[in-house]
Amino acid sequence: MRLAIWPVPPARALGAALADLVTEVVEIEPFEARAALDEGGVDLALVPTLDVLRGHTGLEVVPGVALAGERSPRRHLVVGSALDAIETVGFDPRDTQEALLTQLVMREHYGTQATFALSDPATPLADVLETNSAALVGYRDPVPEGAFALDPGQEWTDLTLRPYPWALLTALEGTLSVVDAMRIRSAVTEAPVSDALFHDGVGVYQITLDGYVNDGLDQLAEYLFETGTLSEVPPVPFIAIPEVDEDADDDEE
């Protein structure tokens, strides 16, 4: 079983947790994840949550597993103007989820209605900021003098009090057994806390889908429906895992 994860530290924590259950862990960009599944290149993949919600037909999601967090693992918004003066945001067209989230939090949190303009990722940030008020770029891109950075994940958490569900662990429908899904969920639940889930000494990421992350997933789907991005609040196609009746097990003993 081949697992595809994103080339970021918190996703690698998931790969480490599942290393004993898969034959190979490969790193791919988020925009490649769904195609990797459809083309048979991998059996399991971290698929951006937006992609799952938009195209859930033919997919199944492992319950209890996600890449979630209070910060974005990949992108931040570099702003070269005052927040209320942002008119255009340059972004890589492959960063659909981050762009949509940034648009949402700018509108809901700051009342800003900016136009998002496609930008060539090879263009230097300084050049992008010459023609745009802000740019959605990689986390490691240095912030130019006179500009400042916002994290769309942190903005989402400030707005909703929930972590953002960046990706769901996904397989093609009918290709992952319930037993394997149970083993995967257990391995993730029982995995030791990894340093890769921390940022500046604070735990801001998680690889489990529970509690507040579930709430954040529900809230995201509702936002996307209310803003017209989705025509309905779609069901997340979780694999049905039977609940263990612990009392029955005790009786049998």
Protein backbone atom coordinates (compact mmCIF):
# COMPACT_ATOMS: atom_id res chain seq x y z
CA MET A 1 0.00 0.00 0.00
CA ARG A 2 1.55 3.32 -1.13
CA LEU A 3 0.80 6.46 0.85
CA ALA A 4 1.12 9.98 -0.55
CA ILE A 5 1.71 12.85 1.85
CA TRP A 6 2.54 16.53 1.41
CA PRO A 7 6.17 17.69 1.62
CA VAL A 8 5.68 19.52 4.93
CA PRO A 9 6.72 18.49 8.47
CA PRO A 10 3.25 17.83 9.98
CA ALA A 11 2.34 15.57 7.06
CA ARG A 12 5.59 13.69 7.56
CA ALA A 13 4.44 13.02 11.12
CA LEU A 14 1.49 11.14 9.62
CA GLY A 15 3.81 9.22 7.31
CA ALA A 16 5.92 8.20 10.31
CA ALA A 17 2.83 7.07 12.24
CA LEU A 18 1.79 4.79 9.36
CA ALA A 19 5.25 3.59 8.31
CA ASP A 20 4.64 0.05 9.59
CA LEU A 21 1.31 -0.27 7.75
CA VAL A 22 2.32 0.90 4.27
CA THR A 23 4.94 -0.29 1.82
CA GLU A 24 6.06 3.15 0.73
CA VAL A 25 5.54 6.81 1.64
CA VAL A 26 5.90 9.30 -1.21
CA GLU A 27 5.69 13.08 -1.14
CA ILE A 28 3.55 14.97 -3.64
CA GLU A 29 2.10 18.45 -3.82
CA PRO A 30 -1.51 18.85 -2.63
CA PHE A 31 -2.82 19.63 -6.11
CA GLU A 32 -1.45 16.28 -7.32
CA ALA A 33 -3.15 14.14 -4.66
CA ARG A 34 -6.52 13.40 -6.26
CA ALA A 35 -4.94 12.60 -9.63
CA ALA A 36 -2.44 10.28 -7.95
CA LEU A 37 -5.35 8.26 -6.56
CA ASP A 38 -7.35 8.28 -9.80
CA GLU A 39 -4.35 7.20 -11.86
CA GLY A 40 -3.42 4.38 -9.48
CA GLY A 41 -0.07 5.83 -8.49
CA VAL A 42 -0.91 5.58 -4.78
CA ASP A 43 -3.47 3.76 -2.66
CA LEU A 44 -3.88 6.38 0.05
CA ALA A 45 -3.35 10.12 -0.12
CA LEU A 46 -3.69 13.27 1.92
CA VAL A 47 -6.20 15.07 -0.29
CA PRO A 48 -7.01 18.74 0.33
CA THR A 49 -10.30 18.94 2.18
CA LEU A 50 -11.73 21.32 -0.41
CA ASP A 51 -11.05 18.74 -3.15
CA VAL A 52 -12.84 16.04 -1.13
CA LEU A 53 -15.86 18.25 -0.47
CA ARG A 54 -16.07 19.32 -4.11
CA GLY A 55 -15.57 15.87 -5.59
CA HIS A 56 -16.44 13.29 -2.97
CA THR A 57 -18.02 10.84 -5.44
CA GLY A 58 -15.80 7.79 -5.84
CA LEU A 59 -13.78 8.53 -2.71
CA GLU A 60 -13.68 7.12 0.81
CA VAL A 61 -12.14 8.85 3.81
CA VAL A 62 -10.44 7.11 6.73
CA PRO A 63 -12.23 8.18 9.93
CA GLY A 64 -10.21 9.73 12.71
CA VAL A 65 -7.30 10.82 10.50
CA ALA A 66 -6.55 14.26 9.04
CA LEU A 67 -3.94 16.94 8.69
CA ALA A 68 -5.33 19.83 10.69
CA GLY A 69 -4.03 22.81 12.53
CA GLU A 70 -4.19 26.38 13.70
CA ARG A 71 -1.61 27.47 11.12
CA SER A 72 -1.16 26.81 7.43
CA PRO A 73 1.51 24.17 6.82
CA ARG A 74 2.36 25.68 3.42
CA ARG A 75 1.36 29.28 2.70
CA HIS A 76 1.13 32.71 4.25
CA LEU A 77 -0.26 35.98 2.98
CA VAL A 78 2.34 38.70 2.51
CA VAL A 79 0.64 42.09 2.58
CA GLY A 80 2.26 45.21 1.13
CA SER A 81 -0.51 47.65 2.05
CA ALA A 82 -2.87 48.35 4.91
CA LEU A 83 -5.34 45.52 5.51
CA ASP A 84 -8.32 47.66 4.57
CA ALA A 85 -6.55 48.77 1.39
CA ILE A 86 -5.98 45.32 -0.11
CA GLU A 87 -7.42 45.34 -3.63
CA THR A 88 -5.73 42.39 -5.34
CA VAL A 89 -4.05 39.22 -4.09
CA GLY A 90 -1.63 37.34 -6.30
CA PHE A 91 -1.68 33.56 -5.93
CA ASP A 92 -0.47 30.36 -7.56
CA PRO A 93 -3.53 28.86 -9.33
CA ARG A 94 -2.62 25.47 -7.86
CA ASP A 95 -3.19 26.79 -4.32
CA THR A 96 -6.97 26.72 -4.60
CA GLN A 97 -7.71 25.78 -1.00
CA GLU A 98 -5.40 28.38 0.52
CA ALA A 99 -6.72 31.07 -1.81
CA LEU A 100 -10.34 30.28 -1.01
CA LEU A 101 -9.63 30.21 2.72
CA THR A 102 -7.77 33.52 2.54
CA GLN A 103 -10.67 35.08 0.62
CA LEU A 104 -13.11 33.79 3.23
CA VAL A 105 -11.24 35.06 6.29
CA MET A 106 -10.50 38.42 4.68
CA ARG A 107 -14.19 38.92 4.04
CA GLU A 108 -15.54 37.49 7.31
CA HIS A 109 -12.79 38.70 9.63
CA TYR A 110 -11.80 42.04 8.09
CA GLY A 111 -14.66 42.97 5.77
CA THR A 112 -12.24 43.14 2.83
CA GLN A 113 -13.39 42.17 -0.68
CA ALA A 114 -10.18 41.67 -2.65
CA THR A 115 -9.79 40.37 -6.19
CA PHE A 116 -7.61 37.26 -6.48
CA ALA A 117 -5.31 37.34 -9.49
CA LEU A 118 -3.39 34.38 -10.91
CA SER A 119 0.35 34.76 -10.46
CA ASP A 120 3.25 32.76 -11.89
CA PRO A 121 4.92 31.03 -8.91
CA ALA A 122 8.31 31.63 -10.55
CA THR A 123 7.85 35.41 -10.34
CA PRO A 124 9.86 36.99 -7.50
CA LEU A 125 7.68 38.12 -4.60
CA ALA A 126 8.86 41.73 -4.89
CA ASP A 127 7.64 41.81 -8.48
CA VAL A 128 4.27 40.29 -7.53
CA LEU A 129 3.80 42.97 -4.87
CA GLU A 130 4.47 45.68 -7.43
CA THR A 131 1.22 44.78 -9.19
CA ASN A 132 -0.79 43.36 -6.26
CA SER A 133 -1.58 44.56 -2.76
CA ALA A 134 -0.73 41.13 -1.32
CA ALA A 135 0.49 37.70 -2.36
CA LEU A 136 -0.14 34.16 -1.12
CA VAL A 137 3.30 32.55 -1.07
CA GLY A 138 5.35 29.79 0.49
CA TYR A 139 5.99 29.93 4.21
CA ARG A 140 9.73 30.17 3.71
CA ASP A 141 9.54 33.13 1.34
CA PRO A 142 11.07 36.12 3.16
CA VAL A 143 8.80 39.05 3.90
CA PRO A 144 10.06 42.20 2.14
CA GLU A 145 10.80 45.30 4.15
CA GLY A 146 7.66 47.34 4.71
CA ALA A 147 5.34 44.33 4.29
CA PHE A 148 3.90 41.94 6.88
CA ALA A 149 2.56 38.39 6.87
CA LEU A 150 -0.75 36.85 7.90
CA ASP A 151 -1.35 33.13 8.34
CA PRO A 152 -4.73 32.10 6.83
CA GLY A 153 -4.96 29.13 9.19
CA GLN A 154 -4.43 31.30 12.23
CA GLU A 155 -6.99 33.77 10.91
CA TRP A 156 -9.50 30.92 10.47
CA THR A 157 -8.89 29.75 14.04
CA ASP A 158 -9.29 33.29 15.38
CA LEU A 159 -12.57 33.54 13.47
CA THR A 160 -14.07 30.13 14.28
CA LEU A 161 -12.14 29.00 17.39
CA ARG A 162 -11.48 25.76 15.48
CA PRO A 163 -8.41 24.35 13.73
CA TYR A 164 -8.58 24.18 9.96
CA PRO A 165 -8.89 20.67 8.41
CA TRP A 166 -6.24 20.97 5.68
CA ALA A 167 -6.44 17.43 4.33
CA LEU A 168 -8.26 14.12 4.76
CA LEU A 169 -6.71 10.67 4.36
CA THR A 170 -8.48 9.36 1.29
CA ALA A 171 -8.70 6.25 -0.90
CA LEU A 172 -10.72 5.38 -3.96
CA GLU A 173 -14.09 3.90 -3.11
CA GLY A 174 -13.95 0.17 -2.44
CA THR A 175 -10.16 -0.11 -2.38
CA LEU A 176 -9.51 0.05 1.38
CA SER A 177 -10.90 -2.61 3.69
CA VAL A 178 -12.59 -1.79 6.98
CA VAL A 179 -9.86 -3.75 8.78
CA ASP A 180 -7.13 -1.64 7.17
CA ALA A 181 -9.05 1.55 7.98
CA MET A 182 -9.29 0.45 11.63
CA ARG A 183 -5.57 -0.28 11.75
CA ILE A 184 -4.74 3.08 10.25
CA ARG A 185 -6.98 4.94 12.68
CA SER A 186 -5.50 3.06 15.63
CA ALA A 187 -1.92 3.70 14.51
CA VAL A 188 -2.58 7.44 14.22
CA THR A 189 -4.45 7.63 17.52
CA GLU A 190 -1.69 5.76 19.36
CA ALA A 191 1.26 7.52 17.69
CA PRO A 192 3.54 9.52 20.00
CA VAL A 193 3.34 13.28 19.66
CA SER A 194 5.85 14.36 17.03
CA ASP A 195 8.01 17.48 17.16
CA ALA A 196 6.81 18.10 13.58
CA LEU A 197 3.41 19.09 14.98
CA PHE A 198 4.90 22.08 16.81
CA HIS A 199 5.62 25.61 15.61
CA ASP A 200 7.91 27.81 17.71
CA GLY A 201 7.53 25.38 20.59
CA VAL A 202 3.72 25.36 20.49
CA GLY A 203 1.62 22.42 19.29
CA VAL A 204 -0.41 23.81 16.41
CA TYR A 205 -0.97 20.77 14.17
CA GLN A 206 -2.59 17.38 14.63
CA ILE A 207 -3.04 14.24 12.56
CA THR A 208 -6.21 13.05 14.28
CA LEU A 209 -9.71 13.98 13.18
CA ASP A 210 -11.72 14.43 16.35
CA GLY A 211 -13.30 16.99 18.61
CA TYR A 212 -12.69 20.54 17.44
CA VAL A 213 -11.32 19.36 14.08
CA ASN A 214 -14.63 17.62 13.35
CA ASP A 215 -16.40 20.85 14.28
CA GLY A 216 -14.05 22.79 12.00
CA LEU A 217 -14.80 20.41 9.13
CA ASP A 218 -18.54 20.89 9.60
CA GLN A 219 -18.13 24.65 9.82
CA LEU A 220 -16.01 24.76 6.67
CA ALA A 221 -18.61 22.83 4.67
CA GLU A 222 -21.34 25.18 5.90
CA TYR A 223 -19.30 28.28 5.00
CA LEU A 224 -18.61 26.94 1.52
CA PHE A 225 -22.32 26.27 1.02
CA GLU A 226 -23.40 29.66 2.37
CA THR A 227 -20.93 31.49 0.13
CA GLY A 228 -21.98 29.56 -2.98
CA THR A 229 -18.73 27.63 -3.43
CA LEU A 230 -20.66 24.39 -2.92
CA SER A 231 -24.22 23.82 -4.14
CA GLU A 232 -24.96 21.71 -1.06
CA VAL A 233 -23.38 20.71 2.23
CA PRO A 234 -21.85 17.45 1.01
CA PRO A 235 -21.52 14.31 3.10
CA VAL A 236 -17.93 13.37 3.89
CA PRO A 237 -17.64 9.77 2.63
CA PHE A 238 -16.14 8.20 5.74
CA ILE A 239 -15.53 4.47 5.72
CA ALA A 240 -18.05 2.90 8.10
CA ILE A 241 -16.14 1.34 10.97
CA PRO A 242 -18.26 -0.70 13.41
CA GLU A 243 -18.09 0.41 17.00
CA VAL A 244 -16.57 -2.10 19.41
CA ASP A 245 -18.95 -3.15 22.17
CA GLU A 246 -16.56 -3.27 25.12
CA ASP A 247 -19.28 -4.55 27.48
CA ALA A 248 -19.93 -7.49 25.16
CA ASP A 249 -16.21 -8.27 25.06
CA ASP A 250 -16.08 -8.24 28.86
CA ASP A 251 -19.06 -10.63 29.05
CA GLU A 252 -17.37 -13.07 26.68
CA GLU A 253 -14.29 -13.13 28.89
